[in-house]
Full PDB file with SEQRES, HELIX, SHEET, SSBOND, CRYST1, ORIGX, SCALE, CONECT and MASTER records, all heavy atoms in Angstrom:
SEQRES   1 A   38  HIS ILE SER SER GLY PRO SER THR GLN PRO ILE PRO ARG          
SEQRES   2 A   38  ILE VAL PRO GLY MET SER ALA PRO PRO GLU TYR SER ALA          
SEQRES   3 A   38  THR ARG GLN ALA ARG SER TYR LEU ASP GLU LEU PHE              
HELIX    1 AA1 TYR A   33  LEU A   37  1                                   5    
CRYST1    1.000    1.000    1.000  90.00  90.00  90.00 P 1           1          
ORIGX1      1.000000  0.000000  0.000000        0.00000                         
ORIGX2      0.000000  1.000000  0.000000        0.00000                         
ORIGX3      0.000000  0.000000  1.000000        0.00000                         
SCALE1      1.000000  0.000000  0.000000        0.00000                         
SCALE2      0.000000  1.000000  0.000000        0.00000                         
SCALE3      0.000000  0.000000  1.000000        0.00000                         
ATOM      1  N   HIS A   1       0.827  -1.207   0.000  1.00  0.00           N  
ATOM      2  CA  HIS A   1       0.000   0.000   0.000  1.00  0.00           C  
ATOM      3  C   HIS A   1       0.863   1.259   0.000  1.00  0.00           C  
ATOM      4  O   HIS A   1       0.527   2.241  -0.669  1.00  0.00           O  
ATOM      5  CB  HIS A   1      -0.949   0.014   1.200  1.00  0.00           C  
ATOM      6  CG  HIS A   1      -2.148  -0.844   0.993  1.00  0.00           C  
ATOM      7  ND1 HIS A   1      -3.211  -0.476   0.219  1.00  0.00           N  
ATOM      8  CD2 HIS A   1      -2.438  -2.092   1.455  1.00  0.00           C  
ATOM      9  CE1 HIS A   1      -4.109  -1.431   0.211  1.00  0.00           C  
ATOM     10  NE2 HIS A   1      -3.670  -2.429   0.955  1.00  0.00           N  
ATOM     11  N   ILE A   2       1.960   1.252   0.726  1.00  0.00           N  
ATOM     12  CA  ILE A   2       2.851   2.409   0.758  1.00  0.00           C  
ATOM     13  C   ILE A   2       3.470   2.645  -0.617  1.00  0.00           C  
ATOM     14  O   ILE A   2       3.533   3.769  -1.098  1.00  0.00           O  
ATOM     15  CB  ILE A   2       3.942   2.220   1.833  1.00  0.00           C  
ATOM     16  CG1 ILE A   2       3.314   2.330   3.220  1.00  0.00           C  
ATOM     17  CG2 ILE A   2       5.061   3.239   1.672  1.00  0.00           C  
ATOM     18  CD1 ILE A   2       4.235   1.894   4.346  1.00  0.00           C  
ATOM     19  N   SER A   3       3.902   1.559  -1.279  1.00  0.00           N  
ATOM     20  CA  SER A   3       4.567   1.710  -2.578  1.00  0.00           C  
ATOM     21  C   SER A   3       3.592   2.007  -3.710  1.00  0.00           C  
ATOM     22  O   SER A   3       3.968   2.606  -4.710  1.00  0.00           O  
ATOM     23  CB  SER A   3       5.377   0.457  -2.913  1.00  0.00           C  
ATOM     24  OG  SER A   3       4.524  -0.644  -3.141  1.00  0.00           O  
ATOM     25  N   SER A   4       2.318   1.585  -3.571  1.00  0.00           N  
ATOM     26  CA  SER A   4       1.373   1.806  -4.668  1.00  0.00           C  
ATOM     27  C   SER A   4       0.836   3.231  -4.682  1.00  0.00           C  
ATOM     28  O   SER A   4       0.340   3.689  -5.706  1.00  0.00           O  
ATOM     29  CB  SER A   4       0.217   0.809  -4.597  1.00  0.00           C  
ATOM     30  OG  SER A   4      -0.582   1.050  -3.465  1.00  0.00           O  
ATOM     31  N   GLY A   5       0.933   3.924  -3.549  1.00  0.00           N  
ATOM     32  CA  GLY A   5       0.490   5.315  -3.500  1.00  0.00           C  
ATOM     33  C   GLY A   5      -1.018   5.433  -3.615  1.00  0.00           C  
ATOM     34  O   GLY A   5      -1.731   4.452  -3.777  1.00  0.00           O  
ATOM     35  N   PRO A   6      -1.511   6.648  -3.535  1.00  0.00           N  
ATOM     36  CA  PRO A   6      -2.965   6.835  -3.628  1.00  0.00           C  
ATOM     37  C   PRO A   6      -3.442   6.574  -5.053  1.00  0.00           C  
ATOM     38  O   PRO A   6      -3.025   7.242  -5.988  1.00  0.00           O  
ATOM     39  CB  PRO A   6      -3.168   8.294  -3.227  1.00  0.00           C  
ATOM     40  CG  PRO A   6      -1.869   8.947  -3.489  1.00  0.00           C  
ATOM     41  CD  PRO A   6      -0.809   7.889  -3.320  1.00  0.00           C  
ATOM     42  N   SER A   7      -4.272   5.569  -5.217  1.00  0.00           N  
ATOM     43  CA  SER A   7      -4.742   5.236  -6.562  1.00  0.00           C  
ATOM     44  C   SER A   7      -6.256   5.301  -6.672  1.00  0.00           C  
ATOM     45  O   SER A   7      -6.810   4.904  -7.677  1.00  0.00           O  
ATOM     46  CB  SER A   7      -4.254   3.835  -6.954  1.00  0.00           C  
ATOM     47  OG  SER A   7      -4.781   2.881  -6.048  1.00  0.00           O  
ATOM     48  N   THR A   8      -6.919   5.759  -5.642  1.00  0.00           N  
ATOM     49  CA  THR A   8      -8.371   5.848  -5.720  1.00  0.00           C  
ATOM     50  C   THR A   8      -8.796   7.245  -6.129  1.00  0.00           C  
ATOM     51  O   THR A   8      -8.134   8.228  -5.825  1.00  0.00           O  
ATOM     52  CB  THR A   8      -9.013   5.494  -4.360  1.00  0.00           C  
ATOM     53  OG1 THR A   8      -8.512   6.378  -3.377  1.00  0.00           O  
ATOM     54  CG2 THR A   8      -8.709   4.068  -3.961  1.00  0.00           C  
ATOM     55  N   GLN A   9      -9.875   7.293  -6.830  1.00  0.00           N  
ATOM     56  CA  GLN A   9     -10.439   8.562  -7.271  1.00  0.00           C  
ATOM     57  C   GLN A   9     -11.555   8.955  -6.311  1.00  0.00           C  
ATOM     58  O   GLN A   9     -12.260   8.093  -5.800  1.00  0.00           O  
ATOM     59  CB  GLN A   9     -11.023   8.414  -8.681  1.00  0.00           C  
ATOM     60  CG  GLN A   9      -9.994   8.053  -9.730  1.00  0.00           C  
ATOM     61  CD  GLN A   9      -9.095   9.222 -10.028  1.00  0.00           C  
ATOM     62  OE1 GLN A   9      -9.509  10.366  -9.961  1.00  0.00           O  
ATOM     63  NE2 GLN A   9      -7.842   8.949 -10.347  1.00  0.00           N  
ATOM     64  N   PRO A  10     -11.750  10.232  -6.062  1.00  0.00           N  
ATOM     65  CA  PRO A  10     -12.880  10.633  -5.224  1.00  0.00           C  
ATOM     66  C   PRO A  10     -14.195  10.301  -5.931  1.00  0.00           C  
ATOM     67  O   PRO A  10     -14.259  10.272  -7.160  1.00  0.00           O  
ATOM     68  CB  PRO A  10     -12.697  12.135  -5.056  1.00  0.00           C  
ATOM     69  CG  PRO A  10     -11.811  12.547  -6.163  1.00  0.00           C  
ATOM     70  CD  PRO A  10     -10.964  11.352  -6.518  1.00  0.00           C  
ATOM     71  N   ILE A  11     -15.226  10.051  -5.155  1.00  0.00           N  
ATOM     72  CA  ILE A  11     -16.537   9.754  -5.729  1.00  0.00           C  
ATOM     73  C   ILE A  11     -17.083  11.030  -6.359  1.00  0.00           C  
ATOM     74  O   ILE A  11     -17.090  12.090  -5.727  1.00  0.00           O  
ATOM     75  CB  ILE A  11     -17.484   9.241  -4.635  1.00  0.00           C  
ATOM     76  CG1 ILE A  11     -16.949   7.931  -4.071  1.00  0.00           C  
ATOM     77  CG2 ILE A  11     -18.898   9.075  -5.172  1.00  0.00           C  
ATOM     78  CD1 ILE A  11     -17.722   7.401  -2.901  1.00  0.00           C  
ATOM     79  N   PRO A  12     -17.532  10.935  -7.625  1.00  0.00           N  
ATOM     80  CA  PRO A  12     -18.023  12.155  -8.285  1.00  0.00           C  
ATOM     81  C   PRO A  12     -19.368  12.588  -7.703  1.00  0.00           C  
ATOM     82  O   PRO A  12     -20.152  11.777  -7.232  1.00  0.00           O  
ATOM     83  CB  PRO A  12     -18.173  11.732  -9.741  1.00  0.00           C  
ATOM     84  CG  PRO A  12     -18.353  10.262  -9.689  1.00  0.00           C  
ATOM     85  CD  PRO A  12     -17.578   9.784  -8.499  1.00  0.00           C  
ATOM     86  N   ARG A  13     -19.590  13.859  -7.729  1.00  0.00           N  
ATOM     87  CA  ARG A  13     -20.878  14.415  -7.284  1.00  0.00           C  
ATOM     88  C   ARG A  13     -21.927  14.089  -8.348  1.00  0.00           C  
ATOM     89  O   ARG A  13     -21.681  14.231  -9.542  1.00  0.00           O  
ATOM     90  CB  ARG A  13     -20.751  15.911  -7.112  1.00  0.00           C  
ATOM     91  CG  ARG A  13     -22.060  16.595  -6.815  1.00  0.00           C  
ATOM     92  CD  ARG A  13     -21.849  17.957  -6.301  1.00  0.00           C  
ATOM     93  NE  ARG A  13     -21.723  17.748  -4.851  1.00  0.00           N  
ATOM     94  CZ  ARG A  13     -21.250  18.631  -4.010  1.00  0.00           C  
ATOM     95  NH1 ARG A  13     -20.816  19.770  -4.438  1.00  0.00           N  
ATOM     96  NH2 ARG A  13     -21.194  18.392  -2.734  1.00  0.00           N  
ATOM     97  N   ILE A  14     -23.086  13.636  -7.909  1.00  0.00           N  
ATOM     98  CA  ILE A  14     -24.165  13.289  -8.845  1.00  0.00           C  
ATOM     99  C   ILE A  14     -24.892  14.572  -9.228  1.00  0.00           C  
ATOM    100  O   ILE A  14     -25.360  15.318  -8.365  1.00  0.00           O  
ATOM    101  CB  ILE A  14     -25.126  12.273  -8.206  1.00  0.00           C  
ATOM    102  CG1 ILE A  14     -24.363  10.994  -7.897  1.00  0.00           C  
ATOM    103  CG2 ILE A  14     -26.315  12.004  -9.111  1.00  0.00           C  
ATOM    104  CD1 ILE A  14     -25.147   9.966  -7.126  1.00  0.00           C  
ATOM    105  N   VAL A  15     -24.981  14.807 -10.541  1.00  0.00           N  
ATOM    106  CA  VAL A  15     -25.636  16.013 -11.057  1.00  0.00           C  
ATOM    107  C   VAL A  15     -26.611  15.610 -12.164  1.00  0.00           C  
ATOM    108  O   VAL A  15     -26.448  14.562 -12.792  1.00  0.00           O  
ATOM    109  CB  VAL A  15     -24.594  17.022 -11.603  1.00  0.00           C  
ATOM    110  CG1 VAL A  15     -23.706  17.542 -10.498  1.00  0.00           C  
ATOM    111  CG2 VAL A  15     -23.756  16.406 -12.693  1.00  0.00           C  
ATOM    112  N   PRO A  16     -27.609  16.428 -12.429  1.00  0.00           N  
ATOM    113  CA  PRO A  16     -28.538  16.121 -13.527  1.00  0.00           C  
ATOM    114  C   PRO A  16     -27.794  16.071 -14.859  1.00  0.00           C  
ATOM    115  O   PRO A  16     -26.840  16.808 -15.082  1.00  0.00           O  
ATOM    116  CB  PRO A  16     -29.537  17.291 -13.509  1.00  0.00           C  
ATOM    117  CG  PRO A  16     -29.375  17.924 -12.173  1.00  0.00           C  
ATOM    118  CD  PRO A  16     -27.988  17.627 -11.713  1.00  0.00           C  
ATOM    119  N   GLY A  17     -28.194  15.162 -15.707  1.00  0.00           N  
ATOM    120  CA  GLY A  17     -27.580  15.041 -17.023  1.00  0.00           C  
ATOM    121  C   GLY A  17     -26.269  14.270 -17.018  1.00  0.00           C  
ATOM    122  O   GLY A  17     -25.563  14.227 -18.017  1.00  0.00           O  
ATOM    123  N   MET A  18     -25.960  13.672 -15.910  1.00  0.00           N  
ATOM    124  CA  MET A  18     -24.708  12.909 -15.793  1.00  0.00           C  
ATOM    125  C   MET A  18     -24.791  11.646 -16.665  1.00  0.00           C  
ATOM    126  O   MET A  18     -25.828  10.992 -16.722  1.00  0.00           O  
ATOM    127  CB  MET A  18     -24.507  12.536 -14.326  1.00  0.00           C  
ATOM    128  CG  MET A  18     -23.187  11.980 -13.989  1.00  0.00           C  
ATOM    129  SD  MET A  18     -23.139  11.817 -12.179  1.00  0.00           S  
ATOM    130  CE  MET A  18     -21.416  11.746 -11.959  1.00  0.00           C  
ATOM    131  N   SER A  19     -23.710  11.322 -17.348  1.00  0.00           N  
ATOM    132  CA  SER A  19     -23.703  10.126 -18.202  1.00  0.00           C  
ATOM    133  C   SER A  19     -23.468   8.876 -17.352  1.00  0.00           C  
ATOM    134  O   SER A  19     -22.943   8.944 -16.241  1.00  0.00           O  
ATOM    135  CB  SER A  19     -22.623  10.240 -19.276  1.00  0.00           C  
ATOM    136  OG  SER A  19     -21.356  10.318 -18.676  1.00  0.00           O  
ATOM    137  N   ALA A  20     -23.850   7.731 -17.889  1.00  0.00           N  
ATOM    138  CA  ALA A  20     -23.687   6.449 -17.195  1.00  0.00           C  
ATOM    139  C   ALA A  20     -22.205   6.119 -17.068  1.00  0.00           C  
ATOM    140  O   ALA A  20     -21.392   6.530 -17.905  1.00  0.00           O  
ATOM    141  CB  ALA A  20     -24.394   5.354 -17.966  1.00  0.00           C  
ATOM    142  N   PRO A  21     -21.836   5.379 -16.032  1.00  0.00           N  
ATOM    143  CA  PRO A  21     -20.427   4.999 -15.884  1.00  0.00           C  
ATOM    144  C   PRO A  21     -19.997   4.052 -16.992  1.00  0.00           C  
ATOM    145  O   PRO A  21     -20.832   3.395 -17.619  1.00  0.00           O  
ATOM    146  CB  PRO A  21     -20.389   4.299 -14.519  1.00  0.00           C  
ATOM    147  CG  PRO A  21     -21.779   3.862 -14.269  1.00  0.00           C  
ATOM    148  CD  PRO A  21     -22.659   4.833 -14.979  1.00  0.00           C  
ATOM    149  N   PRO A  22     -18.690   3.964 -17.275  1.00  0.00           N  
ATOM    150  CA  PRO A  22     -18.223   3.059 -18.323  1.00  0.00           C  
ATOM    151  C   PRO A  22     -18.493   1.606 -17.949  1.00  0.00           C  
ATOM    152  O   PRO A  22     -18.639   1.276 -16.772  1.00  0.00           O  
ATOM    153  CB  PRO A  22     -16.725   3.337 -18.404  1.00  0.00           C  
ATOM    154  CG  PRO A  22     -16.379   3.966 -17.102  1.00  0.00           C  
ATOM    155  CD  PRO A  22     -17.604   4.663 -16.618  1.00  0.00           C  
ATOM    156  N   GLU A  23     -18.573   0.759 -18.956  1.00  0.00           N  
ATOM    157  CA  GLU A  23     -18.804  -0.665 -18.736  1.00  0.00           C  
ATOM    158  C   GLU A  23     -17.654  -1.260 -17.940  1.00  0.00           C  
ATOM    159  O   GLU A  23     -16.519  -0.786 -18.017  1.00  0.00           O  
ATOM    160  CB  GLU A  23     -18.931  -1.400 -20.079  1.00  0.00           C  
ATOM    161  CG  GLU A  23     -20.185  -1.047 -20.840  1.00  0.00           C  
ATOM    162  CD  GLU A  23     -21.443  -1.511 -20.117  1.00  0.00           C  
ATOM    163  OE1 GLU A  23     -21.436  -2.627 -19.562  1.00  0.00           O  
ATOM    164  OE2 GLU A  23     -22.417  -0.751 -20.107  1.00  0.00           O  
ATOM    165  N   TYR A  24     -17.955  -2.323 -17.199  1.00  0.00           N  
ATOM    166  CA  TYR A  24     -16.947  -3.033 -16.414  1.00  0.00           C  
ATOM    167  C   TYR A  24     -15.899  -3.627 -17.346  1.00  0.00           C  
ATOM    168  O   TYR A  24     -16.234  -4.257 -18.335  1.00  0.00           O  
ATOM    169  CB  TYR A  24     -17.605  -4.131 -15.585  1.00  0.00           C  
ATOM    170  CG  TYR A  24     -16.627  -4.998 -14.851  1.00  0.00           C  
ATOM    171  CD1 TYR A  24     -15.967  -4.531 -13.730  1.00  0.00           C  
ATOM    172  CD2 TYR A  24     -16.351  -6.288 -15.293  1.00  0.00           C  
ATOM    173  CE1 TYR A  24     -15.062  -5.311 -13.055  1.00  0.00           C  
ATOM    174  CE2 TYR A  24     -15.452  -7.087 -14.621  1.00  0.00           C  
ATOM    175  CZ  TYR A  24     -14.813  -6.591 -13.508  1.00  0.00           C  
ATOM    176  OH  TYR A  24     -13.906  -7.374 -12.844  1.00  0.00           O  
ATOM    177  N   SER A  25     -14.650  -3.429 -17.017  1.00  0.00           N  
ATOM    178  CA  SER A  25     -13.542  -3.961 -17.816  1.00  0.00           C  
ATOM    179  C   SER A  25     -13.178  -5.359 -17.332  1.00  0.00           C  
ATOM    180  O   SER A  25     -13.205  -5.642 -16.140  1.00  0.00           O  
ATOM    181  CB  SER A  25     -12.328  -3.048 -17.692  1.00  0.00           C  
ATOM    182  OG  SER A  25     -11.215  -3.628 -18.315  1.00  0.00           O  
ATOM    183  N   ALA A  26     -12.828  -6.245 -18.262  1.00  0.00           N  
ATOM    184  CA  ALA A  26     -12.436  -7.612 -17.904  1.00  0.00           C  
ATOM    185  C   ALA A  26     -11.099  -7.632 -17.175  1.00  0.00           C  
ATOM    186  O   ALA A  26     -10.824  -8.542 -16.412  1.00  0.00           O  
ATOM    187  CB  ALA A  26     -12.369  -8.478 -19.155  1.00  0.00           C  
ATOM    188  N   THR A  27     -10.263  -6.629 -17.405  1.00  0.00           N  
ATOM    189  CA  THR A  27      -8.990  -6.579 -16.695  1.00  0.00           C  
ATOM    190  C   THR A  27      -9.235  -5.975 -15.327  1.00  0.00           C  
ATOM    191  O   THR A  27      -9.777  -4.895 -15.194  1.00  0.00           O  
ATOM    192  CB  THR A  27      -7.948  -5.737 -17.464  1.00  0.00           C  
ATOM    193  OG1 THR A  27      -8.459  -4.435 -17.649  1.00  0.00           O  
ATOM    194  CG2 THR A  27      -7.636  -6.365 -18.805  1.00  0.00           C  
ATOM    195  N   ARG A  28      -8.852  -6.687 -14.323  1.00  0.00           N  
ATOM    196  CA  ARG A  28      -9.141  -6.299 -12.949  1.00  0.00           C  
ATOM    197  C   ARG A  28      -7.868  -5.833 -12.270  1.00  0.00           C  
ATOM    198  O   ARG A  28      -6.862  -6.500 -12.337  1.00  0.00           O  
ATOM    199  CB  ARG A  28      -9.719  -7.529 -12.246  1.00  0.00           C  
ATOM    200  CG  ARG A  28     -10.119  -7.373 -10.839  1.00  0.00           C  
ATOM    201  CD  ARG A  28     -10.833  -8.645 -10.451  1.00  0.00           C  
ATOM    202  NE  ARG A  28     -10.722  -9.265  -9.205  1.00  0.00           N  
ATOM    203  CZ  ARG A  28      -9.755  -9.281  -8.320  1.00  0.00           C  
ATOM    204  NH1 ARG A  28      -8.682  -8.654  -8.536  1.00  0.00           N  
ATOM    205  NH2 ARG A  28      -9.819  -9.926  -7.197  1.00  0.00           N  
ATOM    206  N   GLN A  29      -7.917  -4.687 -11.634  1.00  0.00           N  
ATOM    207  CA  GLN A  29      -6.758  -4.159 -10.916  1.00  0.00           C  
ATOM    208  C   GLN A  29      -6.788  -4.680  -9.487  1.00  0.00           C  
ATOM    209  O   GLN A  29      -7.825  -4.677  -8.838  1.00  0.00           O  
ATOM    210  CB  GLN A  29      -6.795  -2.640 -10.913  1.00  0.00           C  
ATOM    211  CG  GLN A  29      -5.606  -2.021 -10.215  1.00  0.00           C  
ATOM    212  CD  GLN A  29      -5.693  -0.506 -10.197  1.00  0.00           C  
ATOM    213  OE1 GLN A  29      -6.659   0.068 -10.671  1.00  0.00           O  
ATOM    214  NE2 GLN A  29      -4.689   0.127  -9.653  1.00  0.00           N  
ATOM    215  N   ALA A  30      -5.642  -5.137  -9.019  1.00  0.00           N  
ATOM    216  CA  ALA A  30      -5.552  -5.646  -7.650  1.00  0.00           C  
ATOM    217  C   ALA A  30      -5.808  -4.522  -6.664  1.00  0.00           C  
ATOM    218  O   ALA A  30      -5.317  -3.416  -6.819  1.00  0.00           O  
ATOM    219  CB  ALA A  30      -4.185  -6.262  -7.405  1.00  0.00           C  
ATOM    220  N   ARG A  31      -6.614  -4.815  -5.630  1.00  0.00           N  
ATOM    221  CA  ARG A  31      -6.917  -3.828  -4.606  1.00  0.00           C  
ATOM    222  C   ARG A  31      -5.943  -3.909  -3.449  1.00  0.00           C  
ATOM    223  O   ARG A  31      -5.898  -3.020  -2.620  1.00  0.00           O  
ATOM    224  CB  ARG A  31      -8.330  -4.043  -4.093  1.00  0.00           C  
ATOM    225  CG  ARG A  31      -9.378  -3.816  -5.163  1.00  0.00           C  
ATOM    226  CD  ARG A  31     -10.714  -4.215  -4.668  1.00  0.00           C  
ATOM    227  NE  ARG A  31     -10.661  -5.651  -4.392  1.00  0.00           N  
ATOM    228  CZ  ARG A  31     -11.657  -6.365  -3.926  1.00  0.00           C  
ATOM    229  NH1 ARG A  31     -12.782  -5.794  -3.647  1.00  0.00           N  
ATOM    230  NH2 ARG A  31     -11.539  -7.661  -3.723  1.00  0.00           N  
ATOM    231  N   SER A  32      -5.183  -4.997  -3.366  1.00  0.00           N  
ATOM    232  CA  SER A  32      -4.247  -5.168  -2.259  1.00  0.00           C  
ATOM    233  C   SER A  32      -3.200  -6.206  -2.638  1.00  0.00           C  
ATOM    234  O   SER A  32      -3.327  -6.908  -3.637  1.00  0.00           O  
ATOM    235  CB  SER A  32      -4.977  -5.626  -0.991  1.00  0.00           C  
ATOM    236  OG  SER A  32      -5.461  -6.944  -1.157  1.00  0.00           O  
ATOM    237  N   TYR A  33      -2.168  -6.308  -1.816  1.00  0.00           N  
ATOM    238  CA  TYR A  33      -1.115  -7.297  -2.024  1.00  0.00           C  
ATOM    239  C   TYR A  33      -1.700  -8.705  -1.925  1.00  0.00           C  
ATOM    240  O   TYR A  33      -1.401  -9.569  -2.736  1.00  0.00           O  
ATOM    241  CB  TYR A  33      -0.010  -7.094  -0.989  1.00  0.00           C  
ATOM    242  CG  TYR A  33       1.087  -8.131  -1.054  1.00  0.00           C  
ATOM    243  CD1 TYR A  33       2.006  -8.118  -2.095  1.00  0.00           C  
ATOM    244  CD2 TYR A  33       1.208  -9.108  -0.080  1.00  0.00           C  
ATOM    245  CE1 TYR A  33       3.003  -9.063  -2.160  1.00  0.00           C  
ATOM    246  CE2 TYR A  33       2.213 -10.050  -0.142  1.00  0.00           C  
ATOM    247  CZ  TYR A  33       3.106 -10.031  -1.184  1.00  0.00           C  
ATOM    248  OH  TYR A  33       4.091 -10.970  -1.246  1.00  0.00           O  
ATOM    249  N   LEU A  34      -2.560  -8.934  -0.943  1.00  0.00           N  
ATOM    250  CA  LEU A  34      -3.168 -10.254  -0.782  1.00  0.00           C  
ATOM    251  C   LEU A  34      -4.083 -10.578  -1.953  1.00  0.00           C  
ATOM    252  O   LEU A  34      -4.212 -11.728  -2.347  1.00  0.00           O  
ATOM    253  CB  LEU A  34      -3.929 -10.349   0.539  1.00  0.00           C  
ATOM    254  CG  LEU A  34      -3.068 -10.259   1.789  1.00  0.00           C  
ATOM    255  CD1 LEU A  34      -3.940 -10.295   3.031  1.00  0.00           C  
ATOM    256  CD2 LEU A  34      -2.040 -11.366   1.831  1.00  0.00           C  
ATOM    257  N   ASP A  35      -4.713  -9.565  -2.522  1.00  0.00           N  
ATOM    258  CA  ASP A  35      -5.533  -9.765  -3.709  1.00  0.00           C  
ATOM    259  C   ASP A  35      -4.667 -10.239  -4.870  1.00  0.00           C  
ATOM    260  O   ASP A  35      -5.076 -11.089  -5.658  1.00  0.00           O  
ATOM    261  CB  ASP A  35      -6.241  -8.467  -4.060  1.00  0.00           C  
ATOM    262  CG  ASP A  35      -7.385  -8.644  -5.027  1.00  0.00           C  
ATOM    263  OD1 ASP A  35      -7.927  -9.769  -5.116  1.00  0.00           O  
ATOM    264  OD2 ASP A  35      -7.761  -7.666  -5.687  1.00  0.00           O  
ATOM    265  N   GLU A  36      -3.445  -9.694  -4.985  1.00  0.00           N  
ATOM    266  CA  GLU A  36      -2.510 -10.154  -6.011  1.00  0.00           C  
ATOM    267  C   GLU A  36      -2.097 -11.614  -5.764  1.00  0.00           C  
ATOM    268  O   GLU A  36      -1.979 -12.384  -6.705  1.00  0.00           O  
ATOM    269  CB  GLU A  36      -1.258  -9.281  -6.045  1.00  0.00           C  
ATOM    270  CG  GLU A  36      -1.450  -7.935  -6.680  1.00  0.00           C  
ATOM    271  CD  GLU A  36      -0.160  -7.127  -6.722  1.00  0.00           C  
ATOM    272  OE1 GLU A  36       0.873  -7.574  -6.175  1.00  0.00           O  
ATOM    273  OE2 GLU A  36      -0.201  -6.032  -7.301  1.00  0.00           O  
ATOM    274  N   LEU A  37      -1.877 -11.962  -4.504  1.00  0.00           N  
ATOM    275  CA  LEU A  37      -1.418 -13.331  -4.183  1.00  0.00           C  
ATOM    276  C   LEU A  37      -2.511 -14.364  -4.391  1.00  0.00           C  
ATOM    277  O   LEU A  37      -2.268 -15.435  -4.933  1.00  0.00           O  
ATOM    278  CB  LEU A  37      -0.948 -13.402  -2.728  1.00  0.00           C  
ATOM    279  CG  LEU A  37       0.376 -12.782  -2.381  1.00  0.00           C  
ATOM    280  CD1 LEU A  37       0.662 -12.938  -0.904  1.00  0.00           C  
ATOM    281  CD2 LEU A  37       1.489 -13.397  -3.195  1.00  0.00           C  
ATOM    282  N   PHE A  38      -3.725 -14.069  -3.911  1.00  0.00           N  
ATOM    283  CA  PHE A  38      -4.771 -15.074  -3.871  1.00  0.00           C  
ATOM    284  C   PHE A  38      -5.894 -14.815  -4.870  1.00  0.00           C  
ATOM    285  O   PHE A  38      -6.769 -15.653  -5.026  1.00  0.00           O  
ATOM    286  CB  PHE A  38      -5.365 -15.175  -2.472  1.00  0.00           C  
ATOM    287  CG  PHE A  38      -4.354 -15.632  -1.460  1.00  0.00           C  
ATOM    288  CD1 PHE A  38      -3.788 -14.733  -0.569  1.00  0.00           C  
ATOM    289  CD2 PHE A  38      -3.955 -16.952  -1.403  1.00  0.00           C  
ATOM    290  CE1 PHE A  38      -2.855 -15.153   0.369  1.00  0.00           C  
ATOM    291  CE2 PHE A  38      -3.012 -17.377  -0.471  1.00  0.00           C  
ATOM    292  CZ  PHE A  38      -2.466 -16.466   0.412  1.00  0.00           C  
TER     293      PHE A  38                                                      
MASTER        0    0    0    1    0    0    0    6  292    1    0    3          
END                                                                             
């Protein structure tokens, strides 16, 4: 976690006319070291 640095984005404010989020990508980013291992 120390070496990966801050990689999260703040949650966007919901406003009228907001577009839908992008489709889920098949490539999954590890959320933690243990996630990478297991």
